[in-house]
Amino acid sequence: MDNPQLSAELTFCEQQQQCLSKIQTSVEGDTKKLQNPYPRGCLPWATWIIARLGGWSGYICQRPPGMPTLVHGLRQFESIFLGWKLALGGLVYTR
């Protein structure tokens, strides 16, 4: 999770990254220890947000998030992203 050289584009499209940016403020805490330490747009930045959505505490001194936490976070993000696209009017249903 700690390689900021990896781009979030490997996993998330630009719209998803915009959504992650909006979510970030709601999953960060008030203290420096509970703020995303990675630069926006890198894969660790996105993974940190997904892990928080999955229930990870966010403290770097604790164990890193495991696969169940990340899977839960991705499911949460999928739901949020769908609602975000609906709110923006960017989702079109076709049969």
N, C-alpha and C. Protein backbone atom coordinates (compact mmCIF):
# COMPACT_ATOMS: atom_id res chain seq x y z
N MET A 1 0.82 -1.19 0.00
CA MET A 1 0.00 0.00 0.00
C MET A 1 0.87 1.26 0.00
N ASP A 2 2.16 1.13 0.19
CA ASP A 2 2.99 2.31 0.41
C ASP A 2 3.81 2.78 -0.78
N ASN A 3 3.45 2.45 -2.00
CA ASN A 3 4.24 2.88 -3.15
C ASN A 3 3.53 4.03 -3.87
N PRO A 4 3.83 5.29 -3.49
CA PRO A 4 3.14 6.42 -4.11
C PRO A 4 3.50 6.64 -5.57
N GLN A 5 4.43 5.84 -6.10
CA GLN A 5 4.77 5.93 -7.52
C GLN A 5 3.66 5.32 -8.38
N LEU A 6 2.86 4.43 -7.79
CA LEU A 6 1.78 3.79 -8.54
C LEU A 6 0.59 4.73 -8.66
N SER A 7 0.09 4.89 -9.86
CA SER A 7 -1.03 5.79 -10.11
C SER A 7 -2.36 5.11 -9.78
N ALA A 8 -3.29 5.89 -9.25
CA ALA A 8 -4.64 5.38 -8.99
C ALA A 8 -5.34 5.00 -10.29
N GLU A 9 -4.84 5.51 -11.43
CA GLU A 9 -5.42 5.18 -12.73
C GLU A 9 -5.29 3.69 -13.05
N LEU A 10 -4.43 2.99 -12.35
CA LEU A 10 -4.31 1.55 -12.55
C LEU A 10 -5.60 0.83 -12.19
N THR A 11 -6.36 1.42 -11.28
CA THR A 11 -7.57 0.78 -10.77
C THR A 11 -8.83 1.63 -10.93
N PHE A 12 -8.69 2.94 -10.81
CA PHE A 12 -9.86 3.82 -10.77
C PHE A 12 -9.83 4.82 -11.93
N CYS A 13 -10.98 4.96 -12.61
CA CYS A 13 -11.08 5.95 -13.68
C CYS A 13 -11.11 7.36 -13.07
N GLU A 14 -11.05 8.38 -13.91
CA GLU A 14 -11.02 9.76 -13.44
C GLU A 14 -12.25 10.12 -12.62
N GLN A 15 -13.44 9.67 -13.05
CA GLN A 15 -14.66 9.96 -12.29
C GLN A 15 -14.62 9.31 -10.92
N GLN A 16 -14.11 8.08 -10.85
CA GLN A 16 -14.01 7.40 -9.56
C GLN A 16 -13.03 8.13 -8.64
N GLN A 17 -11.94 8.64 -9.22
CA GLN A 17 -10.98 9.39 -8.42
C GLN A 17 -11.58 10.70 -7.90
N GLN A 18 -12.42 11.32 -8.71
CA GLN A 18 -13.10 12.55 -8.26
C GLN A 18 -14.03 12.22 -7.09
N CYS A 19 -14.73 11.10 -7.20
CA CYS A 19 -15.62 10.66 -6.13
C CYS A 19 -14.82 10.35 -4.87
N LEU A 20 -13.68 9.67 -5.03
CA LEU A 20 -12.82 9.37 -3.89
C LEU A 20 -12.36 10.66 -3.20
N SER A 21 -12.06 11.68 -3.98
CA SER A 21 -11.66 12.97 -3.41
C SER A 21 -12.76 13.56 -2.53
N LYS A 22 -14.00 13.43 -2.98
CA LYS A 22 -15.13 13.94 -2.20
C LYS A 22 -15.32 13.13 -0.93
N ILE A 23 -15.13 11.82 -1.02
CA ILE A 23 -15.30 10.93 0.13
C ILE A 23 -14.20 11.15 1.17
N GLN A 24 -13.02 11.49 0.71
CA GLN A 24 -11.85 11.58 1.59
C GLN A 24 -12.13 12.40 2.85
N THR A 25 -12.75 13.55 2.70
CA THR A 25 -12.98 14.41 3.87
C THR A 25 -13.89 13.75 4.90
N SER A 26 -14.79 12.87 4.45
CA SER A 26 -15.70 12.23 5.39
C SER A 26 -15.07 11.04 6.11
N VAL A 27 -13.99 10.49 5.58
CA VAL A 27 -13.36 9.33 6.24
C VAL A 27 -12.09 9.73 7.01
N GLU A 28 -11.64 10.97 6.83
CA GLU A 28 -10.50 11.45 7.58
C GLU A 28 -10.95 11.93 8.96
N GLY A 29 -10.03 11.85 9.91
CA GLY A 29 -10.30 12.36 11.24
C GLY A 29 -9.80 13.79 11.40
N ASP A 30 -9.97 14.31 12.60
CA ASP A 30 -9.55 15.69 12.88
C ASP A 30 -8.05 15.81 13.11
N THR A 31 -7.43 14.73 13.56
CA THR A 31 -6.01 14.79 13.88
C THR A 31 -5.16 14.40 12.68
N LYS A 32 -3.90 14.80 12.70
CA LYS A 32 -2.95 14.49 11.63
C LYS A 32 -2.81 12.98 11.44
N LYS A 33 -2.89 12.22 12.54
CA LYS A 33 -2.74 10.76 12.48
C LYS A 33 -3.87 10.08 11.72
N LEU A 34 -5.00 10.74 11.63
CA LEU A 34 -6.16 10.15 10.94
C LEU A 34 -6.45 10.83 9.61
N GLN A 35 -5.41 11.42 9.00
CA GLN A 35 -5.58 12.00 7.68
C GLN A 35 -4.77 11.19 6.68
N ASN A 36 -5.27 11.14 5.48
CA ASN A 36 -4.62 10.37 4.42
C ASN A 36 -3.21 10.92 4.18
N PRO A 37 -2.17 10.09 4.41
CA PRO A 37 -0.81 10.60 4.29
C PRO A 37 -0.25 10.59 2.86
N TYR A 38 -1.03 10.11 1.91
CA TYR A 38 -0.53 9.93 0.54
C TYR A 38 -1.02 11.05 -0.37
N PRO A 39 -0.23 11.38 -1.40
CA PRO A 39 -0.64 12.42 -2.34
C PRO A 39 -1.83 11.96 -3.20
N ARG A 40 -2.72 12.90 -3.49
CA ARG A 40 -3.90 12.59 -4.31
C ARG A 40 -3.45 12.04 -5.66
N GLY A 41 -4.17 11.02 -6.11
CA GLY A 41 -3.92 10.46 -7.43
C GLY A 41 -3.03 9.24 -7.44
N CYS A 42 -2.43 8.91 -6.30
CA CYS A 42 -1.61 7.69 -6.29
C CYS A 42 -2.45 6.54 -5.72
N LEU A 43 -2.06 5.33 -6.05
CA LEU A 43 -2.83 4.16 -5.63
C LEU A 43 -2.92 4.02 -4.11
N PRO A 44 -1.84 4.27 -3.36
CA PRO A 44 -1.98 4.21 -1.90
C PRO A 44 -3.00 5.20 -1.34
N TRP A 45 -3.11 6.38 -1.96
CA TRP A 45 -4.12 7.37 -1.55
C TRP A 45 -5.53 6.77 -1.68
N ALA A 46 -5.81 6.17 -2.83
CA ALA A 46 -7.12 5.56 -3.06
C ALA A 46 -7.34 4.36 -2.14
N THR A 47 -6.31 3.55 -1.96
CA THR A 47 -6.43 2.36 -1.11
C THR A 47 -6.71 2.77 0.33
N TRP A 48 -6.09 3.84 0.80
CA TRP A 48 -6.32 4.33 2.16
C TRP A 48 -7.80 4.69 2.34
N ILE A 49 -8.38 5.36 1.37
CA ILE A 49 -9.80 5.75 1.45
C ILE A 49 -10.69 4.51 1.42
N ILE A 50 -10.39 3.57 0.52
CA ILE A 50 -11.17 2.34 0.42
C ILE A 50 -11.10 1.57 1.74
N ALA A 51 -9.90 1.50 2.32
CA ALA A 51 -9.74 0.79 3.59
C ALA A 51 -10.56 1.44 4.70
N ARG A 52 -10.59 2.76 4.74
CA ARG A 52 -11.40 3.46 5.74
C ARG A 52 -12.89 3.16 5.54
N LEU A 53 -13.33 3.12 4.28
CA LEU A 53 -14.72 2.77 4.00
C LEU A 53 -15.03 1.35 4.47
N GLY A 54 -14.01 0.49 4.45
CA GLY A 54 -14.18 -0.90 4.87
C GLY A 54 -14.11 -1.12 6.36
N GLY A 55 -13.83 -0.05 7.11
CA GLY A 55 -13.82 -0.17 8.55
C GLY A 55 -12.45 -0.13 9.20
N TRP A 56 -11.40 0.07 8.42
CA TRP A 56 -10.05 0.16 8.97
C TRP A 56 -9.93 1.42 9.82
N SER A 57 -9.18 1.34 10.91
CA SER A 57 -9.07 2.46 11.85
C SER A 57 -8.36 3.67 11.26
N GLY A 58 -7.42 3.44 10.35
CA GLY A 58 -6.71 4.55 9.74
C GLY A 58 -5.38 4.88 10.39
N TYR A 59 -5.11 4.28 11.53
CA TYR A 59 -3.84 4.53 12.20
C TYR A 59 -2.73 3.73 11.55
N ILE A 60 -1.70 4.41 11.09
CA ILE A 60 -0.57 3.77 10.43
C ILE A 60 0.16 2.82 11.38
N CYS A 61 0.16 3.13 12.68
CA CYS A 61 0.87 2.30 13.65
C CYS A 61 0.19 0.94 13.85
N GLN A 62 -1.05 0.78 13.42
CA GLN A 62 -1.74 -0.49 13.54
C GLN A 62 -1.54 -1.32 12.28
N ARG A 63 -2.02 -2.55 12.34
CA ARG A 63 -1.88 -3.43 11.19
C ARG A 63 -2.51 -2.80 9.95
N PRO A 64 -1.90 -3.06 8.79
CA PRO A 64 -2.53 -2.56 7.56
C PRO A 64 -3.84 -3.29 7.32
N PRO A 65 -4.71 -2.71 6.53
CA PRO A 65 -6.00 -3.36 6.27
C PRO A 65 -5.80 -4.66 5.50
N GLY A 66 -6.61 -5.65 5.82
CA GLY A 66 -6.55 -6.94 5.14
C GLY A 66 -7.53 -6.99 3.97
N MET A 67 -7.50 -8.10 3.28
CA MET A 67 -8.37 -8.27 2.11
C MET A 67 -9.85 -8.15 2.44
N PRO A 68 -10.34 -8.76 3.55
CA PRO A 68 -11.78 -8.59 3.84
C PRO A 68 -12.17 -7.13 4.03
N THR A 69 -11.30 -6.34 4.66
CA THR A 69 -11.58 -4.92 4.87
C THR A 69 -11.61 -4.18 3.54
N LEU A 70 -10.64 -4.49 2.67
CA LEU A 70 -10.60 -3.83 1.37
C LEU A 70 -11.78 -4.22 0.49
N VAL A 71 -12.17 -5.49 0.53
CA VAL A 71 -13.34 -5.94 -0.25
C VAL A 71 -14.60 -5.23 0.24
N HIS A 72 -14.75 -5.15 1.56
CA HIS A 72 -15.91 -4.45 2.12
C HIS A 72 -15.89 -2.97 1.71
N GLY A 73 -14.71 -2.37 1.75
CA GLY A 73 -14.57 -0.97 1.34
C GLY A 73 -14.90 -0.75 -0.12
N LEU A 74 -14.47 -1.68 -0.97
CA LEU A 74 -14.78 -1.56 -2.40
C LEU A 74 -16.28 -1.69 -2.65
N ARG A 75 -16.93 -2.57 -1.91
CA ARG A 75 -18.40 -2.69 -2.06
C ARG A 75 -19.09 -1.40 -1.62
N GLN A 76 -18.61 -0.83 -0.53
CA GLN A 76 -19.17 0.44 -0.07
C GLN A 76 -18.95 1.53 -1.13
N PHE A 77 -17.73 1.55 -1.67
CA PHE A 77 -17.41 2.56 -2.68
C PHE A 77 -18.27 2.39 -3.93
N GLU A 78 -18.50 1.16 -4.36
CA GLU A 78 -19.34 0.92 -5.54
C GLU A 78 -20.72 1.52 -5.34
N SER A 79 -21.29 1.34 -4.16
CA SER A 79 -22.61 1.90 -3.87
C SER A 79 -22.58 3.42 -3.86
N ILE A 80 -21.56 3.97 -3.21
CA ILE A 80 -21.43 5.43 -3.15
C ILE A 80 -21.24 6.00 -4.55
N PHE A 81 -20.39 5.36 -5.33
CA PHE A 81 -20.10 5.85 -6.68
C PHE A 81 -21.35 5.80 -7.56
N LEU A 82 -22.13 4.76 -7.44
CA LEU A 82 -23.38 4.66 -8.20
C LEU A 82 -24.31 5.81 -7.83
N GLY A 83 -24.46 6.07 -6.54
CA GLY A 83 -25.30 7.19 -6.10
C GLY A 83 -24.76 8.53 -6.56
N TRP A 84 -23.43 8.66 -6.54
CA TRP A 84 -22.78 9.90 -6.97
C TRP A 84 -23.06 10.15 -8.45
N LYS A 85 -22.95 9.08 -9.26
CA LYS A 85 -23.22 9.23 -10.70
C LYS A 85 -24.70 9.54 -10.95
N LEU A 86 -25.58 8.91 -10.17
CA LEU A 86 -27.00 9.21 -10.32
C LEU A 86 -27.28 10.67 -9.98
N ALA A 87 -26.66 11.17 -8.92
CA ALA A 87 -26.87 12.56 -8.51
C ALA A 87 -26.37 13.54 -9.56
N LEU A 88 -25.30 13.17 -10.23
CA LEU A 88 -24.74 14.04 -11.28
C LEU A 88 -25.47 13.89 -12.61
N GLY A 89 -26.35 12.90 -12.69
CA GLY A 89 -27.08 12.67 -13.93
C GLY A 89 -26.25 11.98 -14.99
N GLY A 90 -25.17 11.34 -14.57
CA GLY A 90 -24.27 10.70 -15.53
C GLY A 90 -24.50 9.22 -15.73
N LEU A 91 -25.56 8.70 -15.14
CA LEU A 91 -25.82 7.27 -15.27
C LEU A 91 -27.07 7.09 -16.13
N VAL A 92 -26.92 6.32 -17.16
CA VAL A 92 -28.04 6.08 -18.08
C VAL A 92 -28.31 4.58 -18.09
N TYR A 93 -29.54 4.22 -17.85
CA TYR A 93 -29.95 2.82 -17.84
C TYR A 93 -30.40 2.43 -19.25
N THR A 94 -29.84 1.37 -19.75
CA THR A 94 -30.26 0.86 -21.08
C THR A 94 -30.63 -0.60 -20.93
N ARG A 95 -31.57 -1.02 -21.71
CA ARG A 95 -32.00 -2.43 -21.69
C ARG A 95 -31.31 -3.19 -22.75
